[in-house]
Amino acid sequence: MSVDQATVRRIAHLARIAVRDDEVPHLQDELNAILAFVEELSAVDVSGVEPMTSVIPMRLPLRPDVVTDHAGADVVTANAPSSEDHFYVVPKVVE
């Protein structure tokens, strides 16, 4: 796949990047080089390679999903500018 100058301008427009006319050929070459590299990567055989979350084998730490700090509604809403019946009171924003 190769990128033409019209495509470079379109990408720049979508990315909201100002590109001068003299910069377009250079960007076209760079985008074509990136796409060529991606095509090289797609030629690599990765069958049998498991997805990984890290470059070193490790197990992610897990913790039990339990409530550990429940101070109560009075404590939680104590710093609120306005509260009523343990709820925050906020100004109406939708009519």
PDB file of N, CA and C in Angstrom:
ATOM      1  N   MET A   1       0.842  -1.176   0.000  1.00  0.00           N
ATOM      2  CA  MET A   1       0.000   0.000   0.000  1.00  0.00           C
ATOM      3  C   MET A   1       0.886   1.238   0.000  1.00  0.00           C
ATOM      4  N   SER A   2       0.554   2.172  -0.846  1.00  0.00           N
ATOM      5  CA  SER A   2       1.310   3.419  -0.845  1.00  0.00           C
ATOM      6  C   SER A   2       0.349   4.591  -0.665  1.00  0.00           C
ATOM      7  N   VAL A   3       0.884   5.632  -0.093  1.00  0.00           N
ATOM      8  CA  VAL A   3       0.101   6.821   0.215  1.00  0.00           C
ATOM      9  C   VAL A   3       0.442   7.889  -0.814  1.00  0.00           C
ATOM     10  N   ASP A   4      -0.566   8.500  -1.407  1.00  0.00           N
ATOM     11  CA  ASP A   4      -0.323   9.596  -2.340  1.00  0.00           C
ATOM     12  C   ASP A   4      -0.436  10.932  -1.603  1.00  0.00           C
ATOM     13  N   GLN A   5      -0.154  12.006  -2.313  1.00  0.00           N
ATOM     14  CA  GLN A   5      -0.140  13.322  -1.677  1.00  0.00           C
ATOM     15  C   GLN A   5      -1.528  13.757  -1.219  1.00  0.00           C
ATOM     16  N   ALA A   6      -2.558  13.351  -1.951  1.00  0.00           N
ATOM     17  CA  ALA A   6      -3.920  13.684  -1.533  1.00  0.00           C
ATOM     18  C   ALA A   6      -4.252  13.016  -0.206  1.00  0.00           C
ATOM     19  N   THR A   7      -3.787  11.778  -0.019  1.00  0.00           N
ATOM     20  CA  THR A   7      -4.028  11.066   1.229  1.00  0.00           C
ATOM     21  C   THR A   7      -3.274  11.726   2.382  1.00  0.00           C
ATOM     22  N   VAL A   8      -2.058  12.193   2.121  1.00  0.00           N
ATOM     23  CA  VAL A   8      -1.288  12.903   3.159  1.00  0.00           C
ATOM     24  C   VAL A   8      -2.039  14.154   3.598  1.00  0.00           C
ATOM     25  N   ARG A   9      -2.571  14.885   2.646  1.00  0.00           N
ATOM     26  CA  ARG A   9      -3.338  16.095   2.993  1.00  0.00           C
ATOM     27  C   ARG A   9      -4.599  15.740   3.774  1.00  0.00           C
ATOM     28  N   ARG A  10      -5.244  14.653   3.391  1.00  0.00           N
ATOM     29  CA  ARG A  10      -6.467  14.220   4.078  1.00  0.00           C
ATOM     30  C   ARG A  10      -6.150  13.817   5.522  1.00  0.00           C
ATOM     31  N   ILE A  11      -5.076  13.068   5.712  1.00  0.00           N
ATOM     32  CA  ILE A  11      -4.674  12.655   7.063  1.00  0.00           C
ATOM     33  C   ILE A  11      -4.334  13.882   7.906  1.00  0.00           C
ATOM     34  N   ALA A  12      -3.631  14.834   7.317  1.00  0.00           N
ATOM     35  CA  ALA A  12      -3.282  16.056   8.042  1.00  0.00           C
ATOM     36  C   ALA A  12      -4.538  16.832   8.419  1.00  0.00           C
ATOM     37  N   HIS A  13      -5.511  16.868   7.519  1.00  0.00           N
ATOM     38  CA  HIS A  13      -6.766  17.560   7.817  1.00  0.00           C
ATOM     39  C   HIS A  13      -7.509  16.867   8.954  1.00  0.00           C
ATOM     40  N   LEU A  14      -7.595  15.534   8.911  1.00  0.00           N
ATOM     41  CA  LEU A  14      -8.288  14.792   9.963  1.00  0.00           C
ATOM     42  C   LEU A  14      -7.595  14.945  11.311  1.00  0.00           C
ATOM     43  N   ALA A  15      -6.259  15.044  11.289  1.00  0.00           N
ATOM     44  CA  ALA A  15      -5.496  15.198  12.528  1.00  0.00           C
ATOM     45  C   ALA A  15      -5.392  16.657  12.955  1.00  0.00           C
ATOM     46  N   ARG A  16      -5.972  17.539  12.170  1.00  0.00           N
ATOM     47  CA  ARG A  16      -5.930  18.975  12.453  1.00  0.00           C
ATOM     48  C   ARG A  16      -4.487  19.480  12.558  1.00  0.00           C
ATOM     49  N   ILE A  17      -3.657  19.022  11.597  1.00  0.00           N
ATOM     50  CA  ILE A  17      -2.254  19.427  11.541  1.00  0.00           C
ATOM     51  C   ILE A  17      -2.060  20.297  10.311  1.00  0.00           C
ATOM     52  N   ALA A  18      -1.493  21.460  10.496  1.00  0.00           N
ATOM     53  CA  ALA A  18      -1.203  22.344   9.371  1.00  0.00           C
ATOM     54  C   ALA A  18       0.039  21.837   8.653  1.00  0.00           C
ATOM     55  N   VAL A  19      -0.111  21.532   7.362  1.00  0.00           N
ATOM     56  CA  VAL A  19       1.004  21.015   6.563  1.00  0.00           C
ATOM     57  C   VAL A  19       1.167  21.914   5.343  1.00  0.00           C
ATOM     58  N   ARG A  20       2.365  22.442   5.189  1.00  0.00           N
ATOM     59  CA  ARG A  20       2.650  23.263   4.005  1.00  0.00           C
ATOM     60  C   ARG A  20       2.841  22.355   2.793  1.00  0.00           C
ATOM     61  N   ASP A  21       2.677  22.927   1.609  1.00  0.00           N
ATOM     62  CA  ASP A  21       2.794  22.140   0.376  1.00  0.00           C
ATOM     63  C   ASP A  21       4.189  21.557   0.192  1.00  0.00           C
ATOM     64  N   ASP A  22       5.219  22.260   0.674  1.00  0.00           N
ATOM     65  CA  ASP A  22       6.575  21.736   0.514  1.00  0.00           C
ATOM     66  C   ASP A  22       6.871  20.597   1.500  1.00  0.00           C
ATOM     67  N   GLU A  23       6.043  20.399   2.524  1.00  0.00           N
ATOM     68  CA  GLU A  23       6.241  19.314   3.490  1.00  0.00           C
ATOM     69  C   GLU A  23       5.562  18.015   3.057  1.00  0.00           C
ATOM     70  N   VAL A  24       4.620  18.111   2.138  1.00  0.00           N
ATOM     71  CA  VAL A  24       3.820  16.939   1.758  1.00  0.00           C
ATOM     72  C   VAL A  24       4.681  15.803   1.197  1.00  0.00           C
ATOM     73  N   PRO A  25       5.623  16.042   0.256  1.00  0.00           N
ATOM     74  CA  PRO A  25       6.425  14.910  -0.259  1.00  0.00           C
ATOM     75  C   PRO A  25       7.230  14.199   0.822  1.00  0.00           C
ATOM     76  N   HIS A  26       7.783  14.965   1.766  1.00  0.00           N
ATOM     77  CA  HIS A  26       8.557  14.354   2.853  1.00  0.00           C
ATOM     78  C   HIS A  26       7.651  13.485   3.738  1.00  0.00           C
ATOM     79  N   LEU A  27       6.467  14.004   4.070  1.00  0.00           N
ATOM     80  CA  LEU A  27       5.525  13.221   4.880  1.00  0.00           C
ATOM     81  C   LEU A  27       5.027  11.995   4.132  1.00  0.00           C
ATOM     82  N   GLN A  28       4.865  12.127   2.829  1.00  0.00           N
ATOM     83  CA  GLN A  28       4.452  10.987   2.017  1.00  0.00           C
ATOM     84  C   GLN A  28       5.494   9.872   2.099  1.00  0.00           C
ATOM     85  N   ASP A  29       6.771  10.234   1.987  1.00  0.00           N
ATOM     86  CA  ASP A  29       7.841   9.234   2.100  1.00  0.00           C
ATOM     87  C   ASP A  29       7.852   8.581   3.479  1.00  0.00           C
ATOM     88  N   GLU A  30       7.664   9.396   4.523  1.00  0.00           N
ATOM     89  CA  GLU A  30       7.666   8.847   5.884  1.00  0.00           C
ATOM     90  C   GLU A  30       6.496   7.891   6.112  1.00  0.00           C
ATOM     91  N   LEU A  31       5.310   8.276   5.663  1.00  0.00           N
ATOM     92  CA  LEU A  31       4.149   7.394   5.828  1.00  0.00           C
ATOM     93  C   LEU A  31       4.323   6.100   5.034  1.00  0.00           C
ATOM     94  N   ASN A  32       4.867   6.184   3.837  1.00  0.00           N
ATOM     95  CA  ASN A  32       5.105   4.976   3.051  1.00  0.00           C
ATOM     96  C   ASN A  32       6.141   4.076   3.719  1.00  0.00           C
ATOM     97  N   ALA A  33       7.151   4.655   4.362  1.00  0.00           N
ATOM     98  CA  ALA A  33       8.153   3.856   5.073  1.00  0.00           C
ATOM     99  C   ALA A  33       7.522   3.159   6.277  1.00  0.00           C
ATOM    100  N   ILE A  34       6.635   3.858   6.986  1.00  0.00           N
ATOM    101  CA  ILE A  34       5.950   3.250   8.136  1.00  0.00           C
ATOM    102  C   ILE A  34       5.080   2.091   7.678  1.00  0.00           C
ATOM    103  N   LEU A  35       4.328   2.288   6.605  1.00  0.00           N
ATOM    104  CA  LEU A  35       3.456   1.222   6.098  1.00  0.00           C
ATOM    105  C   LEU A  35       4.265   0.032   5.585  1.00  0.00           C
ATOM    106  N   ALA A  36       5.417   0.288   4.994  1.00  0.00           N
ATOM    107  CA  ALA A  36       6.282  -0.808   4.541  1.00  0.00           C
ATOM    108  C   ALA A  36       6.789  -1.616   5.729  1.00  0.00           C
ATOM    109  N   PHE A  37       7.128  -0.931   6.819  1.00  0.00           N
ATOM    110  CA  PHE A  37       7.589  -1.629   8.020  1.00  0.00           C
ATOM    111  C   PHE A  37       6.468  -2.479   8.615  1.00  0.00           C
ATOM    112  N   VAL A  38       5.248  -1.963   8.617  1.00  0.00           N
ATOM    113  CA  VAL A  38       4.116  -2.730   9.136  1.00  0.00           C
ATOM    114  C   VAL A  38       3.879  -3.966   8.273  1.00  0.00           C
ATOM    115  N   GLU A  39       4.039  -3.836   6.969  1.00  0.00           N
ATOM    116  CA  GLU A  39       3.900  -5.004   6.085  1.00  0.00           C
ATOM    117  C   GLU A  39       4.972  -6.045   6.392  1.00  0.00           C
ATOM    118  N   GLU A  40       6.193  -5.605   6.714  1.00  0.00           N
ATOM    119  CA  GLU A  40       7.252  -6.543   7.107  1.00  0.00           C
ATOM    120  C   GLU A  40       6.864  -7.276   8.389  1.00  0.00           C
ATOM    121  N   LEU A  41       6.293  -6.563   9.341  1.00  0.00           N
ATOM    122  CA  LEU A  41       5.889  -7.185  10.594  1.00  0.00           C
ATOM    123  C   LEU A  41       4.791  -8.219  10.382  1.00  0.00           C
ATOM    124  N   SER A  42       3.902  -7.967   9.442  1.00  0.00           N
ATOM    125  CA  SER A  42       2.820  -8.920   9.214  1.00  0.00           C
ATOM    126  C   SER A  42       3.328 -10.212   8.593  1.00  0.00           C
ATOM    127  N   ALA A  43       4.544 -10.211   8.057  1.00  0.00           N
ATOM    128  CA  ALA A  43       5.120 -11.419   7.475  1.00  0.00           C
ATOM    129  C   ALA A  43       5.725 -12.342   8.534  1.00  0.00           C
ATOM    130  N   VAL A  44       5.874 -11.869   9.753  1.00  0.00           N
ATOM    131  CA  VAL A  44       6.465 -12.669  10.822  1.00  0.00           C
ATOM    132  C   VAL A  44       5.466 -13.724  11.283  1.00  0.00           C
ATOM    133  N   ASP A  45       5.953 -14.972  11.414  1.00  0.00           N
ATOM    134  CA  ASP A  45       5.096 -16.069  11.875  1.00  0.00           C
ATOM    135  C   ASP A  45       5.011 -16.028  13.401  1.00  0.00           C
ATOM    136  N   VAL A  46       3.832 -15.755  13.932  1.00  0.00           N
ATOM    137  CA  VAL A  46       3.635 -15.688  15.368  1.00  0.00           C
ATOM    138  C   VAL A  46       2.719 -16.807  15.862  1.00  0.00           C
ATOM    139  N   SER A  47       2.532 -17.814  15.048  1.00  0.00           N
ATOM    140  CA  SER A  47       1.705 -18.930  15.497  1.00  0.00           C
ATOM    141  C   SER A  47       2.422 -19.647  16.641  1.00  0.00           C
ATOM    142  N   GLY A  48       1.691 -19.969  17.664  1.00  0.00           N
ATOM    143  CA  GLY A  48       2.260 -20.623  18.831  1.00  0.00           C
ATOM    144  C   GLY A  48       2.801 -19.654  19.868  1.00  0.00           C
ATOM    145  N   VAL A  49       2.766 -18.366  19.608  1.00  0.00           N
ATOM    146  CA  VAL A  49       3.227 -17.380  20.570  1.00  0.00           C
ATOM    147  C   VAL A  49       2.005 -16.870  21.321  1.00  0.00           C
ATOM    148  N   GLU A  50       2.021 -17.068  22.632  1.00  0.00           N
ATOM    149  CA  GLU A  50       0.884 -16.640  23.442  1.00  0.00           C
ATOM    150  C   GLU A  50       0.955 -15.149  23.728  1.00  0.00           C
ATOM    151  N   PRO A  51      -0.201 -14.497  23.812  1.00  0.00           N
ATOM    152  CA  PRO A  51      -0.196 -13.082  24.203  1.00  0.00           C
ATOM    153  C   PRO A  51       0.367 -12.935  25.609  1.00  0.00           C
ATOM    154  N   MET A  52       1.035 -11.802  25.856  1.00  0.00           N
ATOM    155  CA  MET A  52       1.615 -11.602  27.178  1.00  0.00           C
ATOM    156  C   MET A  52       1.339 -10.195  27.675  1.00  0.00           C
ATOM    157  N   THR A  53       1.383 -10.051  28.987  1.00  0.00           N
ATOM    158  CA  THR A  53       1.161  -8.745  29.599  1.00  0.00           C
ATOM    159  C   THR A  53       2.471  -8.078  29.998  1.00  0.00           C
ATOM    160  N   SER A  54       3.559  -8.813  29.956  1.00  0.00           N
ATOM    161  CA  SER A  54       4.848  -8.275  30.347  1.00  0.00           C
ATOM    162  C   SER A  54       5.942  -9.028  29.604  1.00  0.00           C
ATOM    163  N   VAL A  55       7.127  -8.444  29.512  1.00  0.00           N
ATOM    164  CA  VAL A  55       8.227  -9.111  28.833  1.00  0.00           C
ATOM    165  C   VAL A  55       8.864 -10.184  29.707  1.00  0.00           C
ATOM    166  N   ILE A  56       8.611 -10.131  31.007  1.00  0.00           N
ATOM    167  CA  ILE A  56       9.098 -11.178  31.896  1.00  0.00           C
ATOM    168  C   ILE A  56       7.889 -11.926  32.451  1.00  0.00           C
ATOM    169  N   PRO A  57       8.005 -13.230  32.608  1.00  0.00           N
ATOM    170  CA  PRO A  57       6.857 -13.970  33.133  1.00  0.00           C
ATOM    171  C   PRO A  57       6.586 -13.595  34.584  1.00  0.00           C
ATOM    172  N   MET A  58       5.382 -13.170  34.836  1.00  0.00           N
ATOM    173  CA  MET A  58       5.012 -12.802  36.191  1.00  0.00           C
ATOM    174  C   MET A  58       3.507 -12.959  36.342  1.00  0.00           C
ATOM    175  N   ARG A  59       3.092 -13.135  37.559  1.00  0.00           N
ATOM    176  CA  ARG A  59       1.676 -13.252  37.842  1.00  0.00           C
ATOM    177  C   ARG A  59       1.185 -11.934  38.430  1.00  0.00           C
ATOM    178  N   LEU A  60       0.056 -11.451  37.921  1.00  0.00           N
ATOM    179  CA  LEU A  60      -0.480 -10.198  38.412  1.00  0.00           C
ATOM    180  C   LEU A  60      -1.045 -10.394  39.813  1.00  0.00           C
ATOM    181  N   PRO A  61      -0.737  -9.480  40.721  1.00  0.00           N
ATOM    182  CA  PRO A  61      -1.250  -9.628  42.085  1.00  0.00           C
ATOM    183  C   PRO A  61      -2.750  -9.374  42.124  1.00  0.00           C
ATOM    184  N   LEU A  62      -3.456 -10.205  42.829  1.00  0.00           N
ATOM    185  CA  LEU A  62      -4.892 -10.061  42.989  1.00  0.00           C
ATOM    186  C   LEU A  62      -5.202  -9.885  44.465  1.00  0.00           C
ATOM    187  N   ARG A  63      -6.259  -9.175  44.755  1.00  0.00           N
ATOM    188  CA  ARG A  63      -6.689  -9.005  46.134  1.00  0.00           C
ATOM    189  C   ARG A  63      -8.171  -9.321  46.197  1.00  0.00           C
ATOM    190  N   PRO A  64      -8.646  -9.726  47.342  1.00  0.00           N
ATOM    191  CA  PRO A  64     -10.075 -10.001  47.460  1.00  0.00           C
ATOM    192  C   PRO A  64     -10.885  -8.716  47.303  1.00  0.00           C
ATOM    193  N   ASP A  65     -12.027  -8.816  46.684  1.00  0.00           N
ATOM    194  CA  ASP A  65     -12.885  -7.664  46.445  1.00  0.00           C
ATOM    195  C   ASP A  65     -13.851  -7.513  47.613  1.00  0.00           C
ATOM    196  N   VAL A  66     -13.356  -6.863  48.663  1.00  0.00           N
ATOM    197  CA  VAL A  66     -14.164  -6.664  49.868  1.00  0.00           C
ATOM    198  C   VAL A  66     -14.112  -5.198  50.270  1.00  0.00           C
ATOM    199  N   VAL A  67     -15.123  -4.740  50.952  1.00  0.00           N
ATOM    200  CA  VAL A  67     -15.148  -3.377  51.473  1.00  0.00           C
ATOM    201  C   VAL A  67     -14.225  -3.314  52.679  1.00  0.00           C
ATOM    202  N   THR A  68     -13.263  -2.406  52.635  1.00  0.00           N
ATOM    203  CA  THR A  68     -12.305  -2.327  53.739  1.00  0.00           C
ATOM    204  C   THR A  68     -12.404  -1.026  54.520  1.00  0.00           C
ATOM    205  N   ASP A  69     -13.022   0.007  53.935  1.00  0.00           N
ATOM    206  CA  ASP A  69     -13.081   1.282  54.620  1.00  0.00           C
ATOM    207  C   ASP A  69     -14.457   1.908  54.383  1.00  0.00           C
ATOM    208  N   HIS A  70     -15.356   1.652  55.265  1.00  0.00           N
ATOM    209  CA  HIS A  70     -16.680   2.242  55.151  1.00  0.00           C
ATOM    210  C   HIS A  70     -16.900   3.100  56.381  1.00  0.00           C
ATOM    211  N   ALA A  71     -16.695   4.391  56.189  1.00  0.00           N
ATOM    212  CA  ALA A  71     -16.762   5.311  57.316  1.00  0.00           C
ATOM    213  C   ALA A  71     -18.185   5.738  57.639  1.00  0.00           C
ATOM    214  N   GLY A  72     -19.099   5.499  56.746  1.00  0.00           N
ATOM    215  CA  GLY A  72     -20.477   5.914  56.966  1.00  0.00           C
ATOM    216  C   GLY A  72     -20.828   7.137  56.143  1.00  0.00           C
ATOM    217  N   ALA A  73     -22.103   7.299  55.847  1.00  0.00           N
ATOM    218  CA  ALA A  73     -22.568   8.391  54.992  1.00  0.00           C
ATOM    219  C   ALA A  73     -22.314   9.753  55.609  1.00  0.00           C
ATOM    220  N   ASP A  74     -22.409   9.876  56.918  1.00  0.00           N
ATOM    221  CA  ASP A  74     -22.182  11.168  57.565  1.00  0.00           C
ATOM    222  C   ASP A  74     -20.751  11.650  57.347  1.00  0.00           C
ATOM    223  N   VAL A  75     -19.801  10.742  57.449  1.00  0.00           N
ATOM    224  CA  VAL A  75     -18.396  11.104  57.272  1.00  0.00           C
ATOM    225  C   VAL A  75     -18.112  11.428  55.811  1.00  0.00           C
ATOM    226  N   VAL A  76     -18.701  10.665  54.909  1.00  0.00           N
ATOM    227  CA  VAL A  76     -18.448  10.867  53.489  1.00  0.00           C
ATOM    228  C   VAL A  76     -18.983  12.214  53.019  1.00  0.00           C
ATOM    229  N   THR A  77     -20.152  12.590  53.453  1.00  0.00           N
ATOM    230  CA  THR A  77     -20.759  13.848  52.997  1.00  0.00           C
ATOM    231  C   THR A  77     -20.412  15.043  53.900  1.00  0.00           C
ATOM    232  N   ALA A  78     -19.545  14.858  54.873  1.00  0.00           N
ATOM    233  CA  ALA A  78     -19.224  15.937  55.809  1.00  0.00           C
ATOM    234  C   ALA A  78     -18.580  17.139  55.119  1.00  0.00           C
ATOM    235  N   ASN A  79     -17.759  16.925  54.110  1.00  0.00           N
ATOM    236  CA  ASN A  79     -17.071  18.023  53.431  1.00  0.00           C
ATOM    237  C   ASN A  79     -17.842  18.567  52.238  1.00  0.00           C
ATOM    238  N   ALA A  80     -19.006  18.032  51.970  1.00  0.00           N
ATOM    239  CA  ALA A  80     -19.798  18.508  50.829  1.00  0.00           C
ATOM    240  C   ALA A  80     -20.315  19.909  51.109  1.00  0.00           C
ATOM    241  N   PRO A  81     -20.346  20.771  50.093  1.00  0.00           N
ATOM    242  CA  PRO A  81     -20.890  22.108  50.301  1.00  0.00           C
ATOM    243  C   PRO A  81     -22.356  22.071  50.723  1.00  0.00           C
ATOM    244  N   SER A  82     -23.092  21.066  50.211  1.00  0.00           N
ATOM    245  CA  SER A  82     -24.491  20.940  50.557  1.00  0.00           C
ATOM    246  C   SER A  82     -24.894  19.476  50.460  1.00  0.00           C
ATOM    247  N   SER A  83     -25.557  18.965  51.497  1.00  0.00           N
ATOM    248  CA  SER A  83     -26.021  17.584  51.473  1.00  0.00           C
ATOM    249  C   SER A  83     -27.379  17.501  52.160  1.00  0.00           C
ATOM    250  N   GLU A  84     -28.114  16.450  51.813  1.00  0.00           N
ATOM    251  CA  GLU A  84     -29.445  16.253  52.382  1.00  0.00           C
ATOM    252  C   GLU A  84     -29.726  14.751  52.418  1.00  0.00           C
ATOM    253  N   ASP A  85     -30.080  14.227  53.567  1.00  0.00           N
ATOM    254  CA  ASP A  85     -30.378  12.801  53.755  1.00  0.00           C
ATOM    255  C   ASP A  85     -29.248  11.915  53.224  1.00  0.00           C
ATOM    256  N   HIS A  86     -28.005  12.266  53.528  1.00  0.00           N
ATOM    257  CA  HIS A  86     -26.813  11.512  53.140  1.00  0.00           C
ATOM    258  C   HIS A  86     -26.564  11.512  51.627  1.00  0.00           C
ATOM    259  N   PHE A  87     -27.086  12.486  50.899  1.00  0.00           N
ATOM    260  CA  PHE A  87     -26.844  12.638  49.468  1.00  0.00           C
ATOM    261  C   PHE A  87     -26.240  14.010  49.214  1.00  0.00           C
ATOM    262  N   TYR A  88     -25.415  14.112  48.162  1.00  0.00           N
ATOM    263  CA  TYR A  88     -24.890  15.408  47.749  1.00  0.00           C
ATOM    264  C   TYR A  88     -25.998  16.184  47.063  1.00  0.00           C
ATOM    265  N   VAL A  89     -26.092  17.470  47.359  1.00  0.00           N
ATOM    266  CA  VAL A  89     -27.042  18.343  46.683  1.00  0.00           C
ATOM    267  C   VAL A  89     -26.258  19.192  45.688  1.00  0.00           C
ATOM    268  N   VAL A  90     -26.667  19.090  44.412  1.00  0.00           N
ATOM    269  CA  VAL A  90     -25.984  19.831  43.337  1.00  0.00           C
ATOM    270  C   VAL A  90     -27.003  20.665  42.586  1.00  0.00           C
ATOM    271  N   PRO A  91     -26.560  21.738  41.940  1.00  0.00           N
ATOM    272  CA  PRO A  91     -27.507  22.552  41.185  1.00  0.00           C
ATOM    273  C   PRO A  91     -28.034  21.800  39.964  1.00  0.00           C
ATOM    274  N   LYS A  92     -29.254  22.102  39.591  1.00  0.00           N
ATOM    275  CA  LYS A  92     -29.879  21.481  38.438  1.00  0.00           C
ATOM    276  C   LYS A  92     -29.205  22.023  37.185  1.00  0.00           C
ATOM    277  N   VAL A  93     -28.789  21.123  36.292  1.00  0.00           N
ATOM    278  CA  VAL A  93     -28.121  21.548  35.062  1.00  0.00           C
ATOM    279  C   VAL A  93     -28.921  21.209  33.810  1.00  0.00           C
ATOM    280  N   VAL A  94     -29.922  20.360  33.936  1.00  0.00           N
ATOM    281  CA  VAL A  94     -30.749  19.978  32.788  1.00  0.00           C
ATOM    282  C   VAL A  94     -32.157  20.472  33.047  1.00  0.00           C
ATOM    283  N   GLU A  95     -32.706  21.175  32.083  1.00  0.00           N
ATOM    284  CA  GLU A  95     -34.079  21.686  32.227  1.00  0.00           C
ATOM    285  C   GLU A  95     -35.079  20.631  31.805  1.00  0.00           C
TER     286      GLU A  95
END
